[in-house]
Amino acid sequence: MPPAGPDAVDLWYRGLRSLPPAAGGVPRILAGDFNATLDHAALRAVLDTGYRDAAAYVGKGLAPTWPAGGPLPPVTIDHVLVDGGYFVRDTSVHELPGSDHRAVFADVLSIT
């Protein structure tokens, strides 16, 4: 849910808070439209449980993912988050026909 109004902001916060923590022994990858940059405190709280942003890990954390064209300045709100059980080899961003988002691809290897 994009945080585009008072009611939507609460849903957005609840959605991020409901994500499973990275800790717990089960390898986890979270991927999708988080509607948050790495500067958002709510996404930082998810990262603080033990996830890393795959793109930031390989030095590509500012590759814009939204909007895929239009008058707004591009931002990075789509992410692949990996826990400590994965090594990130590379990431890339790709156009998606018919979408206002760009796809994020992450090449990861399990190290557990």
Protein backbone atom coordinates (compact mmCIF):
# COMPACT_ATOMS: atom_id res chain seq x y z
CA MET A 1 0.00 0.00 0.00
CA PRO A 2 1.60 3.32 -0.99
CA PRO A 3 1.69 5.80 1.91
CA ALA A 4 -0.45 8.33 0.04
CA GLY A 5 -2.77 9.57 2.79
CA PRO A 6 -3.41 9.30 6.53
CA ASP A 7 -5.22 5.95 6.38
CA ALA A 8 -2.82 4.54 3.80
CA VAL A 9 0.24 5.49 5.85
CA ASP A 10 -0.99 3.37 8.75
CA LEU A 11 -1.57 0.39 6.43
CA TRP A 12 1.90 0.89 4.92
CA TYR A 13 3.54 0.93 8.38
CA ARG A 14 1.60 -2.15 9.47
CA GLY A 15 2.60 -3.96 6.28
CA LEU A 16 6.29 -3.31 6.85
CA ARG A 17 6.05 -4.21 10.54
CA SER A 18 4.39 -7.53 9.64
CA LEU A 19 7.38 -8.74 7.62
CA PRO A 20 9.28 -11.61 9.23
CA PRO A 21 12.60 -10.76 10.83
CA ALA A 22 15.77 -12.09 9.22
CA ALA A 23 16.78 -13.83 12.45
CA GLY A 24 15.46 -17.28 13.14
CA GLY A 25 17.58 -19.80 11.26
CA VAL A 26 15.34 -19.96 8.18
CA PRO A 27 17.05 -18.32 5.17
CA ARG A 28 14.87 -15.49 3.89
CA ILE A 29 14.62 -13.25 0.85
CA LEU A 30 12.01 -10.49 0.74
CA ALA A 31 11.37 -8.90 -2.64
CA GLY A 32 8.89 -6.42 -3.99
CA ASP A 33 7.51 -2.90 -3.94
CA PHE A 34 8.15 -1.63 -0.42
CA ASN A 35 7.07 1.93 -1.30
CA ALA A 36 10.10 3.05 0.70
CA THR A 37 13.61 4.20 0.01
CA LEU A 38 16.49 3.08 2.19
CA ASP A 39 16.09 6.40 4.02
CA HIS A 40 12.63 5.54 5.37
CA ALA A 41 12.75 4.65 9.07
CA ALA A 42 10.12 1.91 8.59
CA LEU A 43 12.25 0.12 5.99
CA ARG A 44 15.39 0.68 8.09
CA ALA A 45 13.59 -1.14 10.93
CA VAL A 46 13.11 -4.16 8.63
CA LEU A 47 16.79 -4.03 7.66
CA ASP A 48 17.76 -3.79 11.32
CA THR A 49 16.39 -7.31 11.90
CA GLY A 50 19.29 -8.65 9.80
CA TYR A 51 18.42 -8.06 6.15
CA ARG A 52 20.64 -6.33 3.58
CA ASP A 53 19.38 -4.52 0.52
CA ALA A 54 20.88 -6.54 -2.36
CA ALA A 55 21.40 -3.53 -4.64
CA ALA A 56 23.04 -1.44 -1.92
CA TYR A 57 25.26 -4.41 -1.04
CA VAL A 58 26.79 -4.38 -4.55
CA GLY A 59 26.93 -0.57 -4.82
CA LYS A 60 23.77 -0.13 -6.91
CA GLY A 61 21.39 0.98 -4.18
CA LEU A 62 20.36 4.18 -5.95
CA ALA A 63 19.23 2.57 -9.24
CA PRO A 64 15.74 4.07 -9.66
CA THR A 65 12.79 1.70 -9.81
CA TRP A 66 9.82 4.08 -9.86
CA PRO A 67 8.32 5.75 -11.80
CA ALA A 68 9.37 4.18 -15.06
CA GLY A 69 8.84 7.45 -16.91
CA GLY A 70 6.75 10.51 -16.29
CA PRO A 71 7.18 13.86 -14.62
CA LEU A 72 8.15 12.67 -11.11
CA PRO A 73 11.80 12.32 -10.09
CA PRO A 74 12.82 8.65 -10.03
CA VAL A 75 13.36 6.92 -6.68
CA THR A 76 14.30 3.44 -5.47
CA ILE A 77 11.28 1.91 -3.72
CA ASP A 78 11.46 -1.67 -5.03
CA HIS A 79 13.94 -3.90 -3.25
CA VAL A 80 15.35 -7.38 -2.82
CA LEU A 81 16.31 -7.92 0.81
CA VAL A 82 18.48 -10.88 1.78
CA ASP A 83 19.48 -12.23 5.15
CA GLY A 84 22.98 -13.31 6.16
CA GLY A 85 22.53 -16.72 4.53
CA TYR A 86 22.99 -15.26 1.06
CA PHE A 87 25.82 -13.69 -0.93
CA VAL A 88 24.73 -11.10 -3.50
CA ARG A 89 26.72 -11.38 -6.75
CA ASP A 90 24.97 -8.61 -8.68
CA THR A 91 21.71 -6.75 -9.22
CA SER A 92 20.10 -5.02 -12.17
CA VAL A 93 16.98 -3.01 -12.93
CA HIS A 94 14.82 -3.69 -15.99
CA GLU A 95 11.92 -2.02 -17.78
CA LEU A 96 8.59 -3.83 -17.49
CA PRO A 97 6.18 -3.13 -20.35
CA GLY A 98 2.89 -1.82 -18.99
CA SER A 99 4.21 -1.14 -15.48
CA ASP A 100 5.12 2.12 -13.78
CA HIS A 101 7.82 0.21 -11.85
CA ARG A 102 11.09 -1.27 -13.02
CA ALA A 103 11.88 -4.85 -12.07
CA VAL A 104 14.77 -5.55 -9.72
CA PHE A 105 16.80 -8.68 -10.43
CA ALA A 106 19.23 -10.02 -7.84
CA ASP A 107 21.76 -12.79 -8.47
CA VAL A 108 22.23 -14.40 -5.06
CA LEU A 109 23.99 -17.52 -3.80
CA SER A 110 23.09 -19.42 -0.67
CA ILE A 111 26.03 -19.66 1.73
CA THR A 112 24.30 -21.80 4.34
